[in-house]
Amino acid sequence: MFDFFKSTPKAYEDISVGEFHDLMLQKDAVIIDVRTAGEFAGGKLRGARNIDIMSRNFTQQIENLPKDKTYLLYCRSGNRSGQACQIMTEMGFKNVKNMARGIMSWPFETV
């Protein structure tokens, strides 16, 4: 009768830091840090672009991105980047991946 516990499948993929690291090396990969500018300035992944999910113009910035790339998103813990992945897939992006557990679990170099 009611499907209270039924969830819709994610249109994006949660991936490990190791897989994220490997995918960063692909030429069509775009790395997006969805944290605040202050968090971004405190340490980021090499090549990352900062698009703060909390900013008023987040969706406008995302709209301008080409949809044929692989997007690798991260935040501190994986929650905000998961939300950003969901927004992007709803906007028609097909290849969107979220770093599960966020940059807190990143064992590699940051800049």
PDB file of N, CA and C in Angstrom:
ATOM      1  N   MET A   1       0.824  -1.186   0.000  1.00  0.00           N
ATOM      2  CA  MET A   1       0.000   0.000   0.000  1.00  0.00           C
ATOM      3  C   MET A   1       0.869   1.251   0.000  1.00  0.00           C
ATOM      4  N   PHE A   2       1.693   1.442   1.019  1.00  0.00           N
ATOM      5  CA  PHE A   2       2.598   2.592   1.066  1.00  0.00           C
ATOM      6  C   PHE A   2       4.028   2.085   1.015  1.00  0.00           C
ATOM      7  N   ASP A   3       4.844   2.739   0.246  1.00  0.00           N
ATOM      8  CA  ASP A   3       6.250   2.355   0.145  1.00  0.00           C
ATOM      9  C   ASP A   3       7.122   3.362   0.880  1.00  0.00           C
ATOM     10  N   PHE A   4       6.963   3.415   2.205  1.00  0.00           N
ATOM     11  CA  PHE A   4       7.722   4.368   3.009  1.00  0.00           C
ATOM     12  C   PHE A   4       9.223   4.133   2.920  1.00  0.00           C
ATOM     13  N   PHE A   5       9.613   2.885   2.780  1.00  0.00           N
ATOM     14  CA  PHE A   5      11.029   2.549   2.813  1.00  0.00           C
ATOM     15  C   PHE A   5      11.626   2.361   1.425  1.00  0.00           C
ATOM     16  N   LYS A   6      10.824   2.598   0.418  1.00  0.00           N
ATOM     17  CA  LYS A   6      11.313   2.472  -0.953  1.00  0.00           C
ATOM     18  C   LYS A   6      12.121   3.721  -1.295  1.00  0.00           C
ATOM     19  N   SER A   7      13.330   3.513  -1.780  1.00  0.00           N
ATOM     20  CA  SER A   7      14.142   4.663  -2.167  1.00  0.00           C
ATOM     21  C   SER A   7      14.435   4.579  -3.652  1.00  0.00           C
ATOM     22  N   THR A   8      14.557   5.715  -4.258  1.00  0.00           N
ATOM     23  CA  THR A   8      14.901   5.727  -5.674  1.00  0.00           C
ATOM     24  C   THR A   8      16.411   5.516  -5.792  1.00  0.00           C
ATOM     25  N   PRO A   9      16.832   4.766  -6.784  1.00  0.00           N
ATOM     26  CA  PRO A   9      18.271   4.525  -6.924  1.00  0.00           C
ATOM     27  C   PRO A   9      19.015   5.816  -7.276  1.00  0.00           C
ATOM     28  N   LYS A  10      20.236   5.886  -6.805  1.00  0.00           N
ATOM     29  CA  LYS A  10      21.061   7.056  -7.103  1.00  0.00           C
ATOM     30  C   LYS A  10      21.431   7.047  -8.581  1.00  0.00           C
ATOM     31  N   ALA A  11      21.449   8.219  -9.178  1.00  0.00           N
ATOM     32  CA  ALA A  11      21.853   8.345 -10.581  1.00  0.00           C
ATOM     33  C   ALA A  11      23.353   8.628 -10.667  1.00  0.00           C
ATOM     34  N   TYR A  12      24.007   8.691  -9.541  1.00  0.00           N
ATOM     35  CA  TYR A  12      25.455   8.893  -9.492  1.00  0.00           C
ATOM     36  C   TYR A  12      26.059   7.744  -8.702  1.00  0.00           C
ATOM     37  N   GLU A  13      27.391   7.691  -8.690  1.00  0.00           N
ATOM     38  CA  GLU A  13      28.067   6.592  -8.008  1.00  0.00           C
ATOM     39  C   GLU A  13      28.936   7.113  -6.873  1.00  0.00           C
ATOM     40  N   ASP A  14      28.829   6.487  -5.709  1.00  0.00           N
ATOM     41  CA  ASP A  14      29.752   6.749  -4.601  1.00  0.00           C
ATOM     42  C   ASP A  14      30.972   5.868  -4.827  1.00  0.00           C
ATOM     43  N   ILE A  15      32.163   6.466  -4.810  1.00  0.00           N
ATOM     44  CA  ILE A  15      33.372   5.689  -5.061  1.00  0.00           C
ATOM     45  C   ILE A  15      34.384   5.896  -3.933  1.00  0.00           C
ATOM     46  N   SER A  16      35.309   4.958  -3.821  1.00  0.00           N
ATOM     47  CA  SER A  16      36.345   5.034  -2.790  1.00  0.00           C
ATOM     48  C   SER A  16      37.378   6.093  -3.166  1.00  0.00           C
ATOM     49  N   VAL A  17      38.190   6.486  -2.187  1.00  0.00           N
ATOM     50  CA  VAL A  17      39.253   7.459  -2.467  1.00  0.00           C
ATOM     51  C   VAL A  17      40.259   6.891  -3.467  1.00  0.00           C
ATOM     52  N   GLY A  18      40.512   5.606  -3.415  1.00  0.00           N
ATOM     53  CA  GLY A  18      41.444   4.987  -4.361  1.00  0.00           C
ATOM     54  C   GLY A  18      40.940   5.067  -5.787  1.00  0.00           C
ATOM     55  N   GLU A  19      39.669   4.761  -5.976  1.00  0.00           N
ATOM     56  CA  GLU A  19      39.078   4.853  -7.310  1.00  0.00           C
ATOM     57  C   GLU A  19      39.027   6.308  -7.773  1.00  0.00           C
ATOM     58  N   PHE A  20      38.694   7.206  -6.852  1.00  0.00           N
ATOM     59  CA  PHE A  20      38.667   8.642  -7.156  1.00  0.00           C
ATOM     60  C   PHE A  20      40.058   9.076  -7.639  1.00  0.00           C
ATOM     61  N   HIS A  21      41.086   8.668  -6.917  1.00  0.00           N
ATOM     62  CA  HIS A  21      42.461   9.012  -7.262  1.00  0.00           C
ATOM     63  C   HIS A  21      42.798   8.519  -8.671  1.00  0.00           C
ATOM     64  N   ASP A  22      42.423   7.294  -8.994  1.00  0.00           N
ATOM     65  CA  ASP A  22      42.697   6.737 -10.320  1.00  0.00           C
ATOM     66  C   ASP A  22      41.946   7.492 -11.414  1.00  0.00           C
ATOM     67  N   LEU A  23      40.690   7.836 -11.159  1.00  0.00           N
ATOM     68  CA  LEU A  23      39.885   8.544 -12.159  1.00  0.00           C
ATOM     69  C   LEU A  23      40.369   9.970 -12.396  1.00  0.00           C
ATOM     70  N   MET A  24      41.018  10.564 -11.399  1.00  0.00           N
ATOM     71  CA  MET A  24      41.544  11.926 -11.547  1.00  0.00           C
ATOM     72  C   MET A  24      42.550  12.018 -12.697  1.00  0.00           C
ATOM     73  N   LEU A  25      43.168  10.914 -13.034  1.00  0.00           N
ATOM     74  CA  LEU A  25      44.203  10.883 -14.064  1.00  0.00           C
ATOM     75  C   LEU A  25      43.631  10.838 -15.479  1.00  0.00           C
ATOM     76  N   GLN A  26      42.340  10.613 -15.620  1.00  0.00           N
ATOM     77  CA  GLN A  26      41.726  10.578 -16.948  1.00  0.00           C
ATOM     78  C   GLN A  26      41.632  11.980 -17.528  1.00  0.00           C
ATOM     79  N   LYS A  27      41.830  12.073 -18.833  1.00  0.00           N
ATOM     80  CA  LYS A  27      41.869  13.399 -19.468  1.00  0.00           C
ATOM     81  C   LYS A  27      40.516  14.113 -19.467  1.00  0.00           C
ATOM     82  N   ASP A  28      39.413  13.377 -19.426  1.00  0.00           N
ATOM     83  CA  ASP A  28      38.107  14.040 -19.439  1.00  0.00           C
ATOM     84  C   ASP A  28      37.529  14.246 -18.043  1.00  0.00           C
ATOM     85  N   ALA A  29      38.317  13.988 -16.999  1.00  0.00           N
ATOM     86  CA  ALA A  29      37.837  14.132 -15.625  1.00  0.00           C
ATOM     87  C   ALA A  29      37.898  15.590 -15.171  1.00  0.00           C
ATOM     88  N   VAL A  30      36.822  16.032 -14.536  1.00  0.00           N
ATOM     89  CA  VAL A  30      36.741  17.369 -13.958  1.00  0.00           C
ATOM     90  C   VAL A  30      36.528  17.176 -12.458  1.00  0.00           C
ATOM     91  N   ILE A  31      37.431  17.737 -11.653  1.00  0.00           N
ATOM     92  CA  ILE A  31      37.366  17.584 -10.200  1.00  0.00           C
ATOM     93  C   ILE A  31      36.704  18.827  -9.611  1.00  0.00           C
ATOM     94  N   ILE A  32      35.635  18.618  -8.869  1.00  0.00           N
ATOM     95  CA  ILE A  32      34.899  19.739  -8.270  1.00  0.00           C
ATOM     96  C   ILE A  32      34.843  19.561  -6.765  1.00  0.00           C
ATOM     97  N   ASP A  33      35.311  20.593  -6.070  1.00  0.00           N
ATOM     98  CA  ASP A  33      35.252  20.679  -4.614  1.00  0.00           C
ATOM     99  C   ASP A  33      34.042  21.543  -4.293  1.00  0.00           C
ATOM    100  N   VAL A  34      33.053  20.991  -3.602  1.00  0.00           N
ATOM    101  CA  VAL A  34      31.820  21.738  -3.330  1.00  0.00           C
ATOM    102  C   VAL A  34      31.818  22.402  -1.957  1.00  0.00           C
ATOM    103  N   ARG A  35      32.975  22.436  -1.297  1.00  0.00           N
ATOM    104  CA  ARG A  35      33.075  23.081   0.021  1.00  0.00           C
ATOM    105  C   ARG A  35      33.098  24.605  -0.136  1.00  0.00           C
ATOM    106  N   THR A  36      33.099  25.300   0.982  1.00  0.00           N
ATOM    107  CA  THR A  36      33.175  26.759   0.975  1.00  0.00           C
ATOM    108  C   THR A  36      34.555  27.209   0.500  1.00  0.00           C
ATOM    109  N   ALA A  37      34.660  28.463   0.121  1.00  0.00           N
ATOM    110  CA  ALA A  37      35.944  29.019  -0.321  1.00  0.00           C
ATOM    111  C   ALA A  37      36.993  28.921   0.781  1.00  0.00           C
ATOM    112  N   GLY A  38      36.594  29.114   2.033  1.00  0.00           N
ATOM    113  CA  GLY A  38      37.523  29.003   3.156  1.00  0.00           C
ATOM    114  C   GLY A  38      38.063  27.595   3.318  1.00  0.00           C
ATOM    115  N   GLU A  39      37.179  26.616   3.210  1.00  0.00           N
ATOM    116  CA  GLU A  39      37.616  25.221   3.293  1.00  0.00           C
ATOM    117  C   GLU A  39      38.551  24.887   2.129  1.00  0.00           C
ATOM    118  N   PHE A  40      38.183  25.350   0.950  1.00  0.00           N
ATOM    119  CA  PHE A  40      38.974  25.115  -0.267  1.00  0.00           C
ATOM    120  C   PHE A  40      40.375  25.696  -0.119  1.00  0.00           C
ATOM    121  N   ALA A  41      40.464  26.903   0.426  1.00  0.00           N
ATOM    122  CA  ALA A  41      41.758  27.565   0.621  1.00  0.00           C
ATOM    123  C   ALA A  41      42.617  26.823   1.643  1.00  0.00           C
ATOM    124  N   GLY A  42      41.992  26.089   2.537  1.00  0.00           N
ATOM    125  CA  GLY A  42      42.710  25.354   3.572  1.00  0.00           C
ATOM    126  C   GLY A  42      43.365  24.066   3.093  1.00  0.00           C
ATOM    127  N   GLY A  43      43.118  23.683   1.873  1.00  0.00           N
ATOM    128  CA  GLY A  43      43.701  22.462   1.313  1.00  0.00           C
ATOM    129  C   GLY A  43      42.744  21.804   0.348  1.00  0.00           C
ATOM    130  N   LYS A  44      43.224  21.506  -0.841  1.00  0.00           N
ATOM    131  CA  LYS A  44      42.365  20.953  -1.888  1.00  0.00           C
ATOM    132  C   LYS A  44      43.127  19.906  -2.681  1.00  0.00           C
ATOM    133  N   LEU A  45      42.413  19.218  -3.534  1.00  0.00           N
ATOM    134  CA  LEU A  45      43.040  18.255  -4.423  1.00  0.00           C
ATOM    135  C   LEU A  45      43.604  18.998  -5.628  1.00  0.00           C
ATOM    136  N   ARG A  46      44.749  18.548  -6.096  1.00  0.00           N
ATOM    137  CA  ARG A  46      45.386  19.178  -7.258  1.00  0.00           C
ATOM    138  C   ARG A  46      44.427  19.160  -8.452  1.00  0.00           C
ATOM    139  N   GLY A  47      44.248  20.318  -9.069  1.00  0.00           N
ATOM    140  CA  GLY A  47      43.393  20.432 -10.242  1.00  0.00           C
ATOM    141  C   GLY A  47      41.922  20.654  -9.945  1.00  0.00           C
ATOM    142  N   ALA A  48      41.563  20.729  -8.670  1.00  0.00           N
ATOM    143  CA  ALA A  48      40.149  20.887  -8.303  1.00  0.00           C
ATOM    144  C   ALA A  48      39.659  22.303  -8.562  1.00  0.00           C
ATOM    145  N   ARG A  49      38.401  22.381  -8.944  1.00  0.00           N
ATOM    146  CA  ARG A  49      37.710  23.650  -9.139  1.00  0.00           C
ATOM    147  C   ARG A  49      36.707  23.785  -7.996  1.00  0.00           C
ATOM    148  N   ASN A  50      36.633  24.965  -7.399  1.00  0.00           N
ATOM    149  CA  ASN A  50      35.725  25.181  -6.274  1.00  0.00           C
ATOM    150  C   ASN A  50      34.394  25.738  -6.757  1.00  0.00           C
ATOM    151  N   ILE A  51      33.325  24.973  -6.541  1.00  0.00           N
ATOM    152  CA  ILE A  51      31.957  25.440  -6.791  1.00  0.00           C
ATOM    153  C   ILE A  51      31.169  25.102  -5.533  1.00  0.00           C
ATOM    154  N   ASP A  52      31.027  26.075  -4.659  1.00  0.00           N
ATOM    155  CA  ASP A  52      30.400  25.905  -3.343  1.00  0.00           C
ATOM    156  C   ASP A  52      28.911  25.584  -3.489  1.00  0.00           C
ATOM    157  N   ILE A  53      28.510  24.410  -3.003  1.00  0.00           N
ATOM    158  CA  ILE A  53      27.102  24.011  -3.093  1.00  0.00           C
ATOM    159  C   ILE A  53      26.198  24.944  -2.293  1.00  0.00           C
ATOM    160  N   MET A  54      26.747  25.640  -1.300  1.00  0.00           N
ATOM    161  CA  MET A  54      25.939  26.542  -0.475  1.00  0.00           C
ATOM    162  C   MET A  54      25.776  27.936  -1.095  1.00  0.00           C
ATOM    163  N   SER A  55      26.470  28.205  -2.195  1.00  0.00           N
ATOM    164  CA  SER A  55      26.369  29.530  -2.809  1.00  0.00           C
ATOM    165  C   SER A  55      25.043  29.663  -3.565  1.00  0.00           C
ATOM    166  N   ARG A  56      24.598  30.890  -3.682  1.00  0.00           N
ATOM    167  CA  ARG A  56      23.321  31.171  -4.360  1.00  0.00           C
ATOM    168  C   ARG A  56      23.345  30.757  -5.822  1.00  0.00           C
ATOM    169  N   ASN A  57      24.510  30.836  -6.444  1.00  0.00           N
ATOM    170  CA  ASN A  57      24.573  30.578  -7.881  1.00  0.00           C
ATOM    171  C   ASN A  57      25.174  29.208  -8.227  1.00  0.00           C
ATOM    172  N   PHE A  58      25.071  28.255  -7.319  1.00  0.00           N
ATOM    173  CA  PHE A  58      25.618  26.922  -7.571  1.00  0.00           C
ATOM    174  C   PHE A  58      25.059  26.323  -8.863  1.00  0.00           C
ATOM    175  N   THR A  59      23.731  26.300  -9.005  1.00  0.00           N
ATOM    176  CA  THR A  59      23.146  25.673 -10.189  1.00  0.00           C
ATOM    177  C   THR A  59      23.509  26.420 -11.468  1.00  0.00           C
ATOM    178  N   GLN A  60      23.639  27.748 -11.395  1.00  0.00           N
ATOM    179  CA  GLN A  60      24.033  28.508 -12.585  1.00  0.00           C
ATOM    180  C   GLN A  60      25.451  28.145 -13.013  1.00  0.00           C
ATOM    181  N   GLN A  61      26.345  27.960 -12.038  1.00  0.00           N
ATOM    182  CA  GLN A  61      27.719  27.576 -12.373  1.00  0.00           C
ATOM    183  C   GLN A  61      27.758  26.173 -12.972  1.00  0.00           C
ATOM    184  N   ILE A  62      26.950  25.276 -12.447  1.00  0.00           N
ATOM    185  CA  ILE A  62      26.898  23.903 -12.939  1.00  0.00           C
ATOM    186  C   ILE A  62      26.316  23.858 -14.351  1.00  0.00           C
ATOM    187  N   GLU A  63      25.299  24.669 -14.613  1.00  0.00           N
ATOM    188  CA  GLU A  63      24.652  24.701 -15.933  1.00  0.00           C
ATOM    189  C   GLU A  63      25.643  24.973 -17.056  1.00  0.00           C
ATOM    190  N   ASN A  64      26.685  25.737 -16.761  1.00  0.00           N
ATOM    191  CA  ASN A  64      27.652  26.125 -17.791  1.00  0.00           C
ATOM    192  C   ASN A  64      28.690  25.053 -18.099  1.00  0.00           C
ATOM    193  N   LEU A  65      28.671  23.941 -17.380  1.00  0.00           N
ATOM    194  CA  LEU A  65      29.649  22.871 -17.589  1.00  0.00           C
ATOM    195  C   LEU A  65      29.197  21.946 -18.716  1.00  0.00           C
ATOM    196  N   PRO A  66      30.149  21.447 -19.506  1.00  0.00           N
ATOM    197  CA  PRO A  66      29.774  20.479 -20.558  1.00  0.00           C
ATOM    198  C   PRO A  66      29.311  19.163 -19.941  1.00  0.00           C
ATOM    199  N   LYS A  67      28.305  18.562 -20.528  1.00  0.00           N
ATOM    200  CA  LYS A  67      27.731  17.347 -19.960  1.00  0.00           C
ATOM    201  C   LYS A  67      28.459  16.073 -20.387  1.00  0.00           C
ATOM    202  N   ASP A  68      29.444  16.179 -21.264  1.00  0.00           N
ATOM    203  CA  ASP A  68      30.120  14.987 -21.781  1.00  0.00           C
ATOM    204  C   ASP A  68      31.399  14.629 -21.025  1.00  0.00           C
ATOM    205  N   LYS A  69      31.630  15.226 -19.886  1.00  0.00           N
ATOM    206  CA  LYS A  69      32.828  14.957 -19.077  1.00  0.00           C
ATOM    207  C   LYS A  69      32.481  14.014 -17.922  1.00  0.00           C
ATOM    208  N   THR A  70      33.530  13.504 -17.282  1.00  0.00           N
ATOM    209  CA  THR A  70      33.374  12.748 -16.046  1.00  0.00           C
ATOM    210  C   THR A  70      33.594  13.716 -14.896  1.00  0.00           C
ATOM    211  N   TYR A  71      32.629  13.834 -14.005  1.00  0.00           N
ATOM    212  CA  TYR A  71      32.721  14.771 -12.885  1.00  0.00           C
ATOM    213  C   TYR A  71      32.974  14.010 -11.594  1.00  0.00           C
ATOM    214  N   LEU A  72      34.041  14.409 -10.923  1.00  0.00           N
ATOM    215  CA  LEU A  72      34.446  13.821  -9.654  1.00  0.00           C
ATOM    216  C   LEU A  72      34.239  14.879  -8.576  1.00  0.00           C
ATOM    217  N   LEU A  73      33.291  14.661  -7.689  1.00  0.00           N
ATOM    218  CA  LEU A  73      32.957  15.647  -6.673  1.00  0.00           C
ATOM    219  C   LEU A  73      33.381  15.180  -5.286  1.00  0.00           C
ATOM    220  N   TYR A  74      33.798  16.159  -4.483  1.00  0.00           N
ATOM    221  CA  TYR A  74      34.133  15.851  -3.090  1.00  0.00           C
ATOM    222  C   TYR A  74      33.844  17.040  -2.203  1.00  0.00           C
ATOM    223  N   CYS A  75      33.723  16.746  -0.911  1.00  0.00           N
ATOM    224  CA  CYS A  75      33.583  17.755   0.133  1.00  0.00           C
ATOM    225  C   CYS A  75      34.335  17.223   1.346  1.00  0.00           C
ATOM    226  N   ARG A  76      34.008  17.692   2.515  1.00  0.00           N
ATOM    227  CA  ARG A  76      34.710  17.241   3.722  1.00  0.00           C
ATOM    228  C   ARG A  76      34.377  15.778   4.048  1.00  0.00           C
ATOM    229  N   SER A  77      33.080  15.433   4.029  1.00  0.00           N
ATOM    230  CA  SER A  77      32.677  14.095   4.473  1.00  0.00           C
ATOM    231  C   SER A  77      31.953  13.257   3.426  1.00  0.00           C
ATOM    232  N   GLY A  78      31.611  13.838   2.305  1.00  0.00           N
ATOM    233  CA  GLY A  78      30.873  13.123   1.268  1.00  0.00           C
ATOM    234  C   GLY A  78      29.392  13.453   1.218  1.00  0.00           C
ATOM    235  N   ASN A  79      28.888  14.187   2.209  1.00  0.00           N
ATOM    236  CA  ASN A  79      27.460  14.511   2.242  1.00  0.00           C
ATOM    237  C   ASN A  79      27.086  15.622   1.256  1.00  0.00           C
ATOM    238  N   ARG A  80      27.763  16.753   1.337  1.00  0.00           N
ATOM    239  CA  ARG A  80      27.450  17.857   0.418  1.00  0.00           C
ATOM    240  C   ARG A  80      27.731  17.469  -1.024  1.00  0.00           C
ATOM    241  N   SER A  81      28.833  16.747  -1.231  1.00  0.00           N
ATOM    242  CA  SER A  81      29.151  16.342  -2.611  1.00  0.00           C
ATOM    243  C   SER A  81      28.111  15.345  -3.126  1.00  0.00           C
ATOM    244  N   GLY A  82      27.560  14.514  -2.260  1.00  0.00           N
ATOM    245  CA  GLY A  82      26.473  13.621  -2.663  1.00  0.00           C
ATOM    246  C   GLY A  82      25.247  14.407  -3.091  1.00  0.00           C
ATOM    247  N   GLN A  83      24.933  15.460  -2.348  1.00  0.00           N
ATOM    248  CA  GLN A  83      23.805  16.319  -2.707  1.00  0.00           C
ATOM    249  C   GLN A  83      24.070  17.002  -4.048  1.00  0.00           C
ATOM    250  N   ALA A  84      25.308  17.462  -4.247  1.00  0.00           N
ATOM    251  CA  ALA A  84      25.675  18.121  -5.498  1.00  0.00           C
ATOM    252  C   ALA A  84      25.593  17.138  -6.668  1.00  0.00           C
ATOM    253  N   CYS A  85      26.013  15.900  -6.448  1.00  0.00           N
ATOM    254  CA  CYS A  85      25.908  14.865  -7.484  1.00  0.00           C
ATOM    255  C   CYS A  85      24.455  14.662  -7.886  1.00  0.00           C
ATOM    256  N   GLN A  86      23.583  14.615  -6.894  1.00  0.00           N
ATOM    257  CA  GLN A  86      22.160  14.432  -7.170  1.00  0.00           C
ATOM    258  C   GLN A  86      21.620  15.589  -8.004  1.00  0.00           C
ATOM    259  N   ILE A  87      21.980  16.806  -7.651  1.00  0.00           N
ATOM    260  CA  ILE A  87      21.544  17.986  -8.410  1.00  0.00           C
ATOM    261  C   ILE A  87      22.034  17.889  -9.849  1.00  0.00           C
ATOM    262  N   MET A  88      23.304  17.521 -10.013  1.00  0.00           N
ATOM    263  CA  MET A  88      23.874  17.437 -11.357  1.00  0.00           C
ATOM    264  C   MET A  88      23.178  16.371 -12.204  1.00  0.00           C
ATOM    265  N   THR A  89      22.878  15.213 -11.615  1.00  0.00           N
ATOM    266  CA  THR A  89      22.203  14.181 -12.401  1.00  0.00           C
ATOM    267  C   THR A  89      20.787  14.610 -12.772  1.00  0.00           C
ATOM    268  N   GLU A  90      20.126  15.349 -11.890  1.00  0.00           N
ATOM    269  CA  GLU A  90      18.799  15.875 -12.203  1.00  0.00           C
ATOM    270  C   GLU A  90      18.865  16.908 -13.317  1.00  0.00           C
ATOM    271  N   MET A  91      20.033  17.527 -13.497  1.00  0.00           N
ATOM    272  CA  MET A  91      20.232  18.514 -14.561  1.00  0.00           C
ATOM    273  C   MET A  91      20.685  17.860 -15.876  1.00  0.00           C
ATOM    274  N   GLY A  92      20.823  16.544 -15.880  1.00  0.00           N
ATOM    275  CA  GLY A  92      21.157  15.853 -17.114  1.00  0.00           C
ATOM    276  C   GLY A  92      22.581  15.362 -17.257  1.00  0.00           C
ATOM    277  N   PHE A  93      23.405  15.529 -16.214  1.00  0.00           N
ATOM    278  CA  PHE A  93      24.769  15.012 -16.259  1.00  0.00           C
ATOM    279  C   PHE A  93      24.710  13.500 -16.051  1.00  0.00           C
ATOM    280  N   LYS A  94      25.467  12.765 -16.851  1.00  0.00           N
ATOM    281  CA  LYS A  94      25.392  11.302 -16.827  1.00  0.00           C
ATOM    282  C   LYS A  94      26.525  10.636 -16.057  1.00  0.00           C
ATOM    283  N   ASN A  95      27.715  11.212 -16.066  1.00  0.00           N
ATOM    284  CA  ASN A  95      28.881  10.547 -15.475  1.00  0.00           C
ATOM    285  C   ASN A  95      29.385  11.359 -14.283  1.00  0.00           C
ATOM    286  N   VAL A  96      28.710  11.184 -13.147  1.00  0.00           N
ATOM    287  CA  VAL A  96      28.986  11.950 -11.934  1.00  0.00           C
ATOM    288  C   VAL A  96      29.331  10.974 -10.812  1.00  0.00           C
ATOM    289  N   LYS A  97      30.447  11.251 -10.132  1.00  0.00           N
ATOM    290  CA  LYS A  97      30.909  10.349  -9.077  1.00  0.00           C
ATOM    291  C   LYS A  97      31.213  11.152  -7.810  1.00  0.00           C
ATOM    292  N   ASN A  98      30.851  10.574  -6.685  1.00  0.00           N
ATOM    293  CA  ASN A  98      31.021  11.203  -5.380  1.00  0.00           C
ATOM    294  C   ASN A  98      32.102  10.470  -4.587  1.00  0.00           C
ATOM    295  N   MET A  99      33.048  11.217  -4.012  1.00  0.00           N
ATOM    296  CA  MET A  99      34.052  10.605  -3.151  1.00  0.00           C
ATOM    297  C   MET A  99      33.385  10.255  -1.824  1.00  0.00           C
ATOM    298  N   ALA A 100      33.147   8.961  -1.619  1.00  0.00           N
ATOM    299  CA  ALA A 100      32.546   8.498  -0.368  1.00  0.00           C
ATOM    300  C   ALA A 100      33.488   8.848   0.790  1.00  0.00           C
ATOM    301  N   ARG A 101      32.936   9.337   1.862  1.00  0.00           N
ATOM    302  CA  ARG A 101      33.666   9.715   3.082  1.00  0.00           C
ATOM    303  C   ARG A 101      34.499  10.984   2.927  1.00  0.00           C
ATOM    304  N   GLY A 102      34.530  11.596   1.761  1.00  0.00           N
ATOM    305  CA  GLY A 102      35.121  12.919   1.590  1.00  0.00           C
ATOM    306  C   GLY A 102      36.623  13.024   1.753  1.00  0.00           C
ATOM    307  N   ILE A 103      37.077  14.270   1.720  1.00  0.00           N
ATOM    308  CA  ILE A 103      38.511  14.552   1.771  1.00  0.00           C
ATOM    309  C   ILE A 103      39.115  14.200   3.133  1.00  0.00           C
ATOM    310  N   MET A 104      38.271  14.039   4.163  1.00  0.00           N
ATOM    311  CA  MET A 104      38.780  13.620   5.476  1.00  0.00           C
ATOM    312  C   MET A 104      39.470  12.257   5.389  1.00  0.00           C
ATOM    313  N   SER A 105      39.057  11.442   4.425  1.00  0.00           N
ATOM    314  CA  SER A 105      39.636  10.101   4.289  1.00  0.00           C
ATOM    315  C   SER A 105      40.695  10.038   3.187  1.00  0.00           C
ATOM    316  N   TRP A 106      41.079  11.183   2.636  1.00  0.00           N
ATOM    317  CA  TRP A 106      42.034  11.247   1.522  1.00  0.00           C
ATOM    318  C   TRP A 106      43.456  11.006   2.023  1.00  0.00           C
ATOM    319  N   PRO A 107      44.118   9.902   1.620  1.00  0.00           N
ATOM    320  CA  PRO A 107      45.456   9.610   2.118  1.00  0.00           C
ATOM    321  C   PRO A 107      46.571  10.186   1.245  1.00  0.00           C
ATOM    322  N   PHE A 108      46.181  10.806   0.123  1.00  0.00           N
ATOM    323  CA  PHE A 108      47.173  11.302  -0.827  1.00  0.00           C
ATOM    324  C   PHE A 108      47.440  12.795  -0.608  1.00  0.00           C
ATOM    325  N   GLU A 109      48.279  13.346  -1.434  1.00  0.00           N
ATOM    326  CA  GLU A 109      48.689  14.750  -1.328  1.00  0.00           C
ATOM    327  C   GLU A 109      47.526  15.725  -1.579  1.00  0.00           C
ATOM    328  N   THR A 110      47.521  16.811  -0.809  1.00  0.00           N
ATOM    329  CA  THR A 110      46.643  17.951  -1.078  1.00  0.00           C
ATOM    330  C   THR A 110      47.538  19.156  -1.290  1.00  0.00           C
ATOM    331  N   VAL A 111      46.969  20.171  -1.911  1.00  0.00           N
ATOM    332  CA  VAL A 111      47.749  21.397  -2.179  1.00  0.00           C
ATOM    333  C   VAL A 111      47.090  22.600  -1.539  1.00  0.00           C
TER     334      VAL A 111
END
